[in-house]
Structure formats: C-alpha cells, structure tokens
C-alpha atoms as a PDB file:
ATOM      1  CA  MET A   1     151.674  59.067 182.080  1.00  0.00           C
ATOM      2  CA  GLU A   2     150.174  55.738 179.757  1.00  0.00           C
ATOM      3  CA  ALA A   3     150.464  56.603 175.802  1.00  0.00           C
ATOM      4  CA  GLY A   4     147.458  58.350 174.399  1.00  0.00           C
ATOM      5  CA  LYS A   5     146.110  59.046 178.021  1.00  0.00           C
ATOM      6  CA  LYS A   6     144.793  62.505 179.322  1.00  0.00           C
ATOM      7  CA  ILE A   7     144.311  64.478 182.156  1.00  0.00           C
ATOM      8  CA  TYR A   8     141.354  66.613 182.638  1.00  0.00           C
ATOM      9  CA  PHE A   9     140.889  69.968 184.704  1.00  0.00           C
ATOM     10  CA  ALA A  10     137.176  71.875 184.511  1.00  0.00           C
ATOM     11  CA  SER A  11     135.737  74.330 187.346  1.00  0.00           C
ATOM     12  CA  ASP A  12     132.726  76.388 188.120  1.00  0.00           C
ATOM     13  CA  PHE A  13     129.958  74.373 187.137  1.00  0.00           C
ATOM     14  CA  HIS A  14     128.102  75.984 189.797  1.00  0.00           C
ATOM     15  CA  LEU A  15     125.053  73.564 189.344  1.00  0.00           C
ATOM     16  CA  GLY A  16     121.973  75.241 190.906  1.00  0.00           C
ATOM     17  CA  ILE A  17     121.503  78.294 188.970  1.00  0.00           C
ATOM     18  CA  ASP A  18     121.127  78.435 185.898  1.00  0.00           C
ATOM     19  CA  ALA A  19     122.556  81.018 183.239  1.00  0.00           C
ATOM     20  CA  ARG A  20     123.026  80.197 179.328  1.00  0.00           C
ATOM     21  CA  LEU A  21     121.660  77.082 179.957  1.00  0.00           C
ATOM     22  CA  SER A  22     119.635  76.224 182.838  1.00  0.00           C
ATOM     23  CA  SER A  23     121.039  74.199 186.044  1.00  0.00           C
ATOM     24  CA  ARG A  24     119.411  70.913 184.596  1.00  0.00           C
ATOM     25  CA  GLU A  25     120.721  71.850 180.623  1.00  0.00           C
ATOM     26  CA  ARG A  26     124.091  72.267 181.885  1.00  0.00           C
ATOM     27  CA  GLU A  27     124.191  69.275 183.992  1.00  0.00           C
ATOM     28  CA  ARG A  28     123.177  67.181 181.007  1.00  0.00           C
ATOM     29  CA  SER A  29     125.842  68.702 179.131  1.00  0.00           C
ATOM     30  CA  ILE A  30     128.438  68.348 181.636  1.00  0.00           C
ATOM     31  CA  LEU A  31     127.202  64.657 181.971  1.00  0.00           C
ATOM     32  CA  ARG A  32     127.608  64.671 178.079  1.00  0.00           C
ATOM     33  CA  TRP A  33     131.752  66.340 178.354  1.00  0.00           C
ATOM     34  CA  LEU A  34     132.366  63.040 180.902  1.00  0.00           C
ATOM     35  CA  ASP A  35     130.952  60.713 178.477  1.00  0.00           C
ATOM     36  CA  THR A  36     133.561  62.398 176.128  1.00  0.00           C
ATOM     37  CA  ILE A  37     136.185  61.647 177.903  1.00  0.00           C
ATOM     38  CA  ARG A  38     135.946  58.671 180.035  1.00  0.00           C
ATOM     39  CA  GLU A  39     138.364  56.873 177.253  1.00  0.00           C
ATOM     40  CA  ASP A  40     141.068  58.679 177.678  1.00  0.00           C
ATOM     41  CA  ALA A  41     141.113  60.474 180.467  1.00  0.00           C
ATOM     42  CA  ALA A  42     144.149  59.285 182.907  1.00  0.00           C
ATOM     43  CA  GLU A  43     143.002  61.067 185.874  1.00  0.00           C
ATOM     44  CA  LEU A  44     140.134  64.402 186.162  1.00  0.00           C
ATOM     45  CA  PHE A  45     140.468  67.235 188.362  1.00  0.00           C
ATOM     46  CA  LEU A  46     137.202  69.221 189.025  1.00  0.00           C
ATOM     47  CA  VAL A  47     138.684  72.596 190.797  1.00  0.00           C
ATOM     48  CA  GLY A  48     135.731  73.935 193.040  1.00  0.00           C
ATOM     49  CA  ASP A  49     132.316  75.832 193.061  1.00  0.00           C
ATOM     50  CA  LEU A  50     130.956  72.542 191.476  1.00  0.00           C
ATOM     51  CA  PHE A  51     127.529  73.683 193.070  1.00  0.00           C
ATOM     52  CA  ASP A  52     125.796  77.059 193.679  1.00  0.00           C
ATOM     53  CA  PHE A  53     125.344  75.682 196.936  1.00  0.00           C
ATOM     54  CA  TRP A  54     126.453  72.828 198.986  1.00  0.00           C
ATOM     55  CA  PHE A  55     126.416  72.050 202.660  1.00  0.00           C
ATOM     56  CA  GLU A  56     126.517  68.313 204.293  1.00  0.00           C
ATOM     57  CA  TYR A  57     124.101  67.503 206.497  1.00  0.00           C
ATOM     58  CA  ARG A  58     125.175  64.428 208.994  1.00  0.00           C
ATOM     59  CA  HIS A  59     121.929  62.707 207.696  1.00  0.00           C
ATOM     60  CA  VAL A  60     120.793  64.482 204.490  1.00  0.00           C
ATOM     61  CA  VAL A  61     122.288  65.421 200.915  1.00  0.00           C
ATOM     62  CA  PRO A  62     121.300  68.817 199.057  1.00  0.00           C
ATOM     63  CA  ARG A  63     118.221  67.981 196.750  1.00  0.00           C
ATOM     64  CA  GLY A  64     119.161  67.700 192.916  1.00  0.00           C
ATOM     65  CA  TYR A  65     122.688  66.944 191.044  1.00  0.00           C
ATOM     66  CA  VAL A  66     121.492  63.482 191.473  1.00  0.00           C
ATOM     67  CA  ARG A  67     122.768  62.695 187.894  1.00  0.00           C
ATOM     68  CA  PHE A  68     125.788  63.995 188.289  1.00  0.00           C
ATOM     69  CA  LEU A  69     126.593  62.809 191.494  1.00  0.00           C
ATOM     70  CA  GLY A  70     125.891  59.434 189.456  1.00  0.00           C
ATOM     71  CA  LYS A  71     127.982  59.709 187.020  1.00  0.00           C
ATOM     72  CA  LEU A  72     131.165  60.768 189.169  1.00  0.00           C
ATOM     73  CA  ALA A  73     130.098  57.195 191.408  1.00  0.00           C
ATOM     74  CA  GLU A  74     130.104  55.390 187.707  1.00  0.00           C
ATOM     75  CA  LEU A  75     133.377  56.800 186.791  1.00  0.00           C
ATOM     76  CA  ARG A  76     135.128  56.442 189.446  1.00  0.00           C
ATOM     77  CA  ASP A  77     133.633  52.620 190.243  1.00  0.00           C
ATOM     78  CA  SER A  78     135.187  52.440 187.070  1.00  0.00           C
ATOM     79  CA  GLY A  79     138.702  53.060 187.966  1.00  0.00           C
ATOM     80  CA  LEU A  80     139.145  56.669 186.656  1.00  0.00           C
ATOM     81  CA  PRO A  81     140.714  58.825 189.471  1.00  0.00           C
ATOM     82  CA  ILE A  82     139.125  61.933 190.015  1.00  0.00           C
ATOM     83  CA  HIS A  83     140.218  64.559 192.101  1.00  0.00           C
ATOM     84  CA  ILE A  84     137.504  67.466 193.711  1.00  0.00           C
ATOM     85  CA  PHE A  85     138.824  70.958 195.235  1.00  0.00           C
ATOM     86  CA  THR A  86     136.531  72.886 197.478  1.00  0.00           C
ATOM     87  CA  GLY A  87     135.231  76.492 196.154  1.00  0.00           C
ATOM     88  CA  ASN A  88     134.052  79.404 198.092  1.00  0.00           C
ATOM     89  CA  HIS A  89     130.212  78.001 197.279  1.00  0.00           C
ATOM     90  CA  ASP A  90     131.112  74.408 197.945  1.00  0.00           C
ATOM     91  CA  MET A  91     133.818  74.941 201.011  1.00  0.00           C
ATOM     92  CA  TRP A  92     130.941  72.566 203.020  1.00  0.00           C
ATOM     93  CA  MET A  93     131.940  69.735 202.045  1.00  0.00           C
ATOM     94  CA  PHE A  94     132.869  67.537 204.274  1.00  0.00           C
ATOM     95  CA  ASP A  95     132.994  62.955 204.189  1.00  0.00           C
ATOM     96  CA  TYR A  96     130.241  62.315 201.552  1.00  0.00           C
ATOM     97  CA  PHE A  97     132.283  62.301 198.814  1.00  0.00           C
ATOM     98  CA  PRO A  98     134.841  60.313 199.935  1.00  0.00           C
ATOM     99  CA  SER A  99     133.278  58.004 202.053  1.00  0.00           C
ATOM    100  CA  GLU A 100     130.425  57.510 199.062  1.00  0.00           C
ATOM    101  CA  LEU A 101     132.140  57.944 196.688  1.00  0.00           C
ATOM    102  CA  GLY A 102     135.852  57.685 197.101  1.00  0.00           C
ATOM    103  CA  ILE A 103     136.716  60.919 195.704  1.00  0.00           C
ATOM    104  CA  PRO A 104     139.641  62.778 197.660  1.00  0.00           C
ATOM    105  CA  VAL A 105     138.490  66.219 198.518  1.00  0.00           C
ATOM    106  CA  TYR A 106     141.086  69.070 198.646  1.00  0.00           C
ATOM    107  CA  ARG A 107     140.854  72.325 200.454  1.00  0.00           C
ATOM    108  CA  ALA A 108     143.981  73.496 199.483  1.00  0.00           C
ATOM    109  CA  PRO A 109     146.560  74.341 196.639  1.00  0.00           C
ATOM    110  CA  VAL A 110     148.235  70.888 195.505  1.00  0.00           C
ATOM    111  CA  VAL A 111     151.717  70.540 193.469  1.00  0.00           C
ATOM    112  CA  ARG A 112     151.229  67.451 190.879  1.00  0.00           C
ATOM    113  CA  ALA A 113     153.574  66.080 188.617  1.00  0.00           C
ATOM    114  CA  PHE A 114     152.436  64.653 184.890  1.00  0.00           C
ATOM    115  CA  GLY A 115     154.633  63.641 182.153  1.00  0.00           C
ATOM    116  CA  GLY A 116     157.683  65.971 183.125  1.00  0.00           C
ATOM    117  CA  LYS A 117     155.608  68.700 183.921  1.00  0.00           C
ATOM    118  CA  THR A 118     154.511  70.443 187.347  1.00  0.00           C
ATOM    119  CA  PHE A 119     151.187  71.484 188.282  1.00  0.00           C
ATOM    120  CA  PHE A 120     150.044  73.798 191.121  1.00  0.00           C
ATOM    121  CA  ILE A 121     146.184  73.013 191.403  1.00  0.00           C
ATOM    122  CA  GLY A 122     143.477  75.015 193.038  1.00  0.00           C
ATOM    123  CA  HIS A 123     140.663  76.878 193.452  1.00  0.00           C
ATOM    124  CA  GLY A 124     141.903  80.274 193.546  1.00  0.00           C
ATOM    125  CA  ASP A 125     139.982  81.857 196.106  1.00  0.00           C
ATOM    126  CA  GLY A 126     141.433  84.031 198.725  1.00  0.00           C
ATOM    127  CA  LEU A 127     144.996  84.159 197.456  1.00  0.00           C
ATOM    128  CA  GLY A 128     146.854  86.790 196.301  1.00  0.00           C
ATOM    129  CA  PRO A 129     147.199  90.311 197.607  1.00  0.00           C
ATOM    130  CA  ASN A 130     144.050  92.792 198.687  1.00  0.00           C
ATOM    131  CA  ASP A 131     140.487  91.093 199.442  1.00  0.00           C
ATOM    132  CA  TYR A 132     141.132  91.335 202.690  1.00  0.00           C
ATOM    133  CA  GLY A 133     136.840  91.343 203.528  1.00  0.00           C
ATOM    134  CA  TYR A 134     136.737  87.636 202.029  1.00  0.00           C
ATOM    135  CA  LYS A 135     139.637  86.180 203.430  1.00  0.00           C
ATOM    136  CA  PHE A 136     137.724  87.087 206.623  1.00  0.00           C
ATOM    137  CA  ILE A 137     134.792  85.585 206.039  1.00  0.00           C
ATOM    138  CA  LYS A 138     136.670  82.625 204.578  1.00  0.00           C
ATOM    139  CA  ARG A 139     137.661  81.974 207.381  1.00  0.00           C
ATOM    140  CA  VAL A 140     135.048  82.416 209.449  1.00  0.00           C
ATOM    141  CA  PHE A 141     132.708  80.187 207.375  1.00  0.00           C
ATOM    142  CA  ARG A 142     135.502  77.463 207.965  1.00  0.00           C
ATOM    143  CA  ASN A 143     135.377  77.645 211.671  1.00  0.00           C
ATOM    144  CA  PRO A 144     134.018  74.662 213.528  1.00  0.00           C
ATOM    145  CA  LEU A 145     131.727  76.690 215.158  1.00  0.00           C
ATOM    146  CA  SER A 146     130.180  77.863 212.698  1.00  0.00           C
ATOM    147  CA  GLN A 147     129.912  74.971 210.480  1.00  0.00           C
ATOM    148  CA  TRP A 148     127.715  73.463 213.846  1.00  0.00           C
ATOM    149  CA  ALA A 149     125.542  76.303 214.042  1.00  0.00           C
ATOM    150  CA  PHE A 150     124.794  76.544 210.484  1.00  0.00           C
ATOM    151  CA  ALA A 151     123.606  72.959 210.534  1.00  0.00           C
ATOM    152  CA  ARG A 152     121.126  73.618 213.681  1.00  0.00           C
ATOM    153  CA  LEU A 153     118.930  75.608 211.162  1.00  0.00           C
ATOM    154  CA  HIS A 154     116.203  73.674 208.994  1.00  0.00           C
ATOM    155  CA  PRO A 155     117.490  72.877 205.949  1.00  0.00           C
ATOM    156  CA  ASN A 156     114.284  75.229 204.099  1.00  0.00           C
ATOM    157  CA  PHE A 157     115.786  78.477 206.172  1.00  0.00           C
ATOM    158  CA  GLY A 158     119.386  77.686 205.883  1.00  0.00           C
ATOM    159  CA  ALA A 159     119.966  76.440 202.034  1.00  0.00           C
ATOM    160  CA  GLY A 160     117.155  79.690 201.295  1.00  0.00           C
ATOM    161  CA  LEU A 161     119.809  81.919 203.170  1.00  0.00           C
ATOM    162  CA  ALA A 162     123.044  80.124 201.483  1.00  0.00           C
ATOM    163  CA  GLN A 163     121.557  80.841 198.211  1.00  0.00           C
ATOM    164  CA  PHE A 164     120.558  84.340 199.250  1.00  0.00           C
ATOM    165  CA  PHE A 165     124.479  84.985 199.934  1.00  0.00           C
ATOM    166  CA  SER A 166     125.634  83.268 196.803  1.00  0.00           C
ATOM    167  CA  GLY A 167     124.267  85.041 194.897  1.00  0.00           C
ATOM    168  CA  LYS A 168     125.982  87.969 196.298  1.00  0.00           C
ATOM    169  CA  SER A 169     128.967  86.867 195.866  1.00  0.00           C
ATOM    170  CA  ARG A 170     128.508  85.686 192.553  1.00  0.00           C
ATOM    171  CA  ALA A 171     127.469  89.457 191.158  1.00  0.00           C
ATOM    172  CA  VAL A 172     130.177  89.838 188.705  1.00  0.00           C
ATOM    173  CA  ASN A 173     131.612  93.674 187.551  1.00  0.00           C
ATOM    174  CA  PRO A 174     131.115  93.563 183.588  1.00  0.00           C
ATOM    175  CA  SER A 175     134.540  95.826 183.633  1.00  0.00           C
ATOM    176  CA  THR A 176     135.879  91.955 184.648  1.00  0.00           C
ATOM    177  CA  ARG A 177     134.669  90.251 182.140  1.00  0.00           C
ATOM    178  CA  HIS A 178     137.973  90.619 180.185  1.00  0.00           C
ATOM    179  CA  PHE A 179     141.679  90.469 181.359  1.00  0.00           C
ATOM    180  CA  LEU A 180     142.876  93.259 183.380  1.00  0.00           C
ATOM    181  CA  GLY A 181     146.153  92.901 182.820  1.00  0.00           C
ATOM    182  CA  PRO A 182     148.798  91.788 185.066  1.00  0.00           C
ATOM    183  CA  ASP A 183     148.808  94.954 187.762  1.00  0.00           C
ATOM    184  CA  LYS A 184     145.159  93.742 187.836  1.00  0.00           C
ATOM    185  CA  GLU A 185     145.039  90.702 188.097  1.00  0.00           C
ATOM    186  CA  TRP A 186     145.474  88.970 190.986  1.00  0.00           C
ATOM    187  CA  LEU A 187     146.245  85.658 190.406  1.00  0.00           C
ATOM    188  CA  VAL A 188     148.588  86.431 188.000  1.00  0.00           C
ATOM    189  CA  ALA A 189     150.643  88.648 191.039  1.00  0.00           C
ATOM    190  CA  TYR A 190     149.918  85.301 193.157  1.00  0.00           C
ATOM    191  CA  CYS A 191     151.756  83.625 190.560  1.00  0.00           C
ATOM    192  CA  ASN A 192     154.385  85.207 189.727  1.00  0.00           C
ATOM    193  CA  ARG A 193     155.585  85.709 193.628  1.00  0.00           C
ATOM    194  CA  LYS A 194     154.635  81.738 194.104  1.00  0.00           C
ATOM    195  CA  GLN A 195     157.017  80.975 191.152  1.00  0.00           C
ATOM    196  CA  ASP A 196     159.709  81.789 193.644  1.00  0.00           C
ATOM    197  CA  ALA A 197     159.203  78.630 195.695  1.00  0.00           C
ATOM    198  CA  VAL A 198     156.898  76.478 193.407  1.00  0.00           C
ATOM    199  CA  ALA A 199     158.933  75.510 189.699  1.00  0.00           C
ATOM    200  CA  ALA A 200     155.497  75.054 188.593  1.00  0.00           C
ATOM    201  CA  ASP A 201     155.369  74.986 184.690  1.00  0.00           C
ATOM    202  CA  TYR A 202     151.563  75.641 185.122  1.00  0.00           C
ATOM    203  CA  PHE A 203     149.618  77.364 187.557  1.00  0.00           C
ATOM    204  CA  LEU A 204     146.165  75.933 187.250  1.00  0.00           C
ATOM    205  CA  PHE A 205     142.767  77.921 189.044  1.00  0.00           C
ATOM    206  CA  GLY A 206     139.409  78.640 188.581  1.00  0.00           C
ATOM    207  CA  HIS A 207     137.158  80.974 190.724  1.00  0.00           C
ATOM    208  CA  ARG A 208     138.273  83.988 188.103  1.00  0.00           C
ATOM    209  CA  HIS A 209     135.324  82.943 185.486  1.00  0.00           C
ATOM    210  CA  LEU A 210     137.331  83.466 182.892  1.00  0.00           C
ATOM    211  CA  PRO A 211     138.907  81.021 180.624  1.00  0.00           C
ATOM    212  CA  ILE A 212     142.642  82.456 180.832  1.00  0.00           C
ATOM    213  CA  ASP A 213     146.175  81.390 179.278  1.00  0.00           C
ATOM    214  CA  TYR A 214     149.129  83.909 180.794  1.00  0.00           C
ATOM    215  CA  THR A 215     152.666  83.539 180.516  1.00  0.00           C
ATOM    216  CA  LEU A 216     154.264  84.877 183.809  1.00  0.00           C
ATOM    217  CA  LYS A 217     157.115  86.689 184.307  1.00  0.00           C
ATOM    218  CA  ASN A 218     159.564  84.350 184.311  1.00  0.00           C
ATOM    219  CA  GLY A 219     158.686  83.974 180.306  1.00  0.00           C
ATOM    220  CA  ARG A 220     158.285  80.183 180.969  1.00  0.00           C
ATOM    221  CA  SER A 221     155.639  79.255 183.556  1.00  0.00           C
ATOM    222  CA  ARG A 222     151.744  79.928 182.514  1.00  0.00           C
ATOM    223  CA  TYR A 223     148.917  80.744 185.010  1.00  0.00           C
ATOM    224  CA  ILE A 224     145.530  79.172 183.215  1.00  0.00           C
ATOM    225  CA  ASN A 225     142.297  79.589 184.512  1.00  0.00           C
ATOM    226  CA  LEU A 226     140.025  76.797 183.765  1.00  0.00           C
ATOM    227  CA  GLY A 227     136.779  79.917 183.218  1.00  0.00           C
ATOM    228  CA  GLU A 228     133.923  78.622 184.273  1.00  0.00           C
ATOM    229  CA  TRP A 229     130.246  76.199 182.885  1.00  0.00           C
ATOM    230  CA  LEU A 230     127.662  78.980 183.110  1.00  0.00           C
ATOM    231  CA  HIS A 231     128.606  80.636 179.593  1.00  0.00           C
ATOM    232  CA  TYR A 232     131.846  79.293 178.283  1.00  0.00           C
ATOM    233  CA  GLN A 233     131.697  75.823 179.686  1.00  0.00           C
ATOM    234  CA  SER A 234     135.462  75.608 179.327  1.00  0.00           C
ATOM    235  CA  TYR A 235     138.478  73.267 180.399  1.00  0.00           C
ATOM    236  CA  ALA A 236     141.902  72.033 180.052  1.00  0.00           C
ATOM    237  CA  VAL A 237     143.348  69.018 178.965  1.00  0.00           C
ATOM    238  CA  PHE A 238     146.506  67.850 179.208  1.00  0.00           C
ATOM    239  CA  ASP A 239     148.177  65.343 176.944  1.00  0.00           C
ATOM    240  CA  GLY A 240     151.639  64.420 177.986  1.00  0.00           C
ATOM    241  CA  GLU A 241     153.154  67.532 176.251  1.00  0.00           C
ATOM    242  CA  GLN A 242     150.928  70.679 176.656  1.00  0.00           C
ATOM    243  CA  LEU A 243     148.056  71.817 178.348  1.00  0.00           C
ATOM    244  CA  ALA A 244     145.242  73.839 176.404  1.00  0.00           C
ATOM    245  CA  LEU A 245     142.217  75.412 177.066  1.00  0.00           C
ATOM    246  CA  ARG A 246     139.315  73.765 175.528  1.00  0.00           C
ATOM    247  CA  PHE A 247     135.039  74.511 175.008  1.00  0.00           C
ATOM    248  CA  PHE A 248     132.514  71.876 174.807  1.00  0.00           C
ATOM    249  CA  GLU A 249     129.336  72.946 173.183  1.00  0.00           C
ATOM    250  CA  ASN A 250     130.320  76.100 172.460  1.00  0.00           C
ATOM    251  CA  PRO A 251     131.484  77.260 169.338  1.00  0.00           C
ATOM    252  CA  GLU A 252     131.520  80.744 170.707  1.00  0.00           C
ATOM    253  CA  GLY A 253     134.503  80.618 173.542  1.00  0.00           C
ATOM    254  CA  ARG A 254     137.420  82.600 173.543  1.00  0.00           C
ATOM    255  CA  ILE A 255     140.046  82.541 175.604  1.00  0.00           C
ATOM    256  CA  PHE A 256     141.780  85.753 177.228  1.00  0.00           C
ATOM    257  CA  GLY A 257     145.301  86.929 177.694  1.00  0.00           C
ATOM    258  CA  THR A 258     148.007  85.276 175.773  1.00  0.00           C
ATOM    259  CA  HIS A 259     150.224  82.218 176.062  1.00  0.00           C
ATOM    260  CA  GLU A 260     153.337  83.952 174.327  1.00  0.00           C
ATOM    261  CA  PRO A 261     155.815  86.018 176.538  1.00  0.00           C
ATOM    262  CA  PRO A 262     154.588  89.565 177.836  1.00  0.00           C
ATOM    263  CA  VAL A 263     157.035  92.354 177.448  1.00  0.00           C
ATOM    264  CA  TRP A 264     157.472  92.882 181.450  1.00  0.00           C
ATOM    265  CA  GLU A 265     158.906  96.569 182.405  1.00  0.00           C
END
C-alpha cells in the first residue's frame, strides 16, 4: 500500500427506508463520509445492501439515490477503485454499475491482500449453518427465470411488492441487537470453519447489522462485522497495519464482541 493511504469498508446503507435518519438525510451523511475519505482512500469496498431494494430493468433505473450514484461516479472517475457486493436486499444488480460507473459487482466472497494482511470479504448472507429457508429463497431469487418473470411486472407493482417483502426480511428480533456469543453467532461459526481453508487475518462481512470485532478460535484471525447505517453509521478502515471499526456522525456508536482472544473450552 502507498504510504498514508487507507482501505475503507462499509455496508448496509439500506437507502430507500427511514430509520434514525430519513433515507434522504442518511444519503447526505453518506456523501459527507465519502468526501471525508476521498483524499486518503486507496480503495473502497461497499459490502452489500446499499439499497433496501434494487432491481435493474433493461431501460429503467430505480427512482432516487441520484446523489449517491453521482458521488460514486465522481469518485470512480477520479481514479478511486470501488468494489460493490450484492446483498440480500439488492442481489438483483446486473450490469448497471460495471457499464455505467466502471464499478465491478461481486456476488460471492473474495480474498484480497493489503499491507501483508489477508482479507476474506463478503456480504455474509446465506453463510454459516442453518437458515435453510433463506438459502432456498436466495436460490429462487438468483434463478434467471425468476428474474425474467419479475421484470415482466410493471415497476409500480413490482417495486411495491419487493418493498413489502424487504420490510419482512429486515425485521429484527430485539434479542439479536447484542453479540450473542460464539455458539449463536452463525458468522462466527462460519469463520471458525473457514479459517482452516483460508488463512485470513480478517473475515469481514456486513448483513448482521451489528458492529462486531471478535477474535476467532485460532486466537489470531478476527471476525469484523461492519454494522449498518440505519442506526450506527459504522464502517471499517485499514491503515496498512491495523483494521478498526469507526463511526461517522454518531458519537453513541459502540463495538460489540471483543478483539481480545476469547477463552475457548
């Protein structure tokens, strides 16, 4: 990495719905964050669920997000490498970002190396044990026939239908708003199993909606969850030596779990 440069990671903006801030206010906050990091950013990873719903019709771009899309185009045109991952709310990304903005779209986790550290990066949906119902639905939604059929719906009806189911899938049990421990956090289980095959220093995901920094069973690798921007406005930054979770315009943000080695039975 070039001296003084940093790698930034963020996920789960969920633009299109209101939360602690309205969607429009949150979009403006994201733009301020992007302007803040642009001077020292070497690369930017946006790790899924940027939109609460996204579907690319052949000749139609979903309404809204014009400021966010314009900022991504501006940063990409300035030479900043940007990487976007699909999430469970915006898995119907096709060629708009690569063809219009020059931004690649990833549909599965990738492995990258920066500053002598190895990163395993993905959105996190459908990984780990259990959640078989969602894994089945994900296969259905990724089926080209399902995508073709949805595209036949009028956008007014299709978008409304998708927003309804999007709200259902986003419903969070209050008991999951804290770190559940390694036996119940399914991404921890996935990382502990995956570390035998991938010698990653950081397993970095979104999707969980909780900023988490947790040392895995080997006592070296860390599971980092980026949290979200609905309430936390959290992100991660790697300065060439260390990866840390940060919060933007939210002094009450907190990190769950611990990066101190846990005691394993």
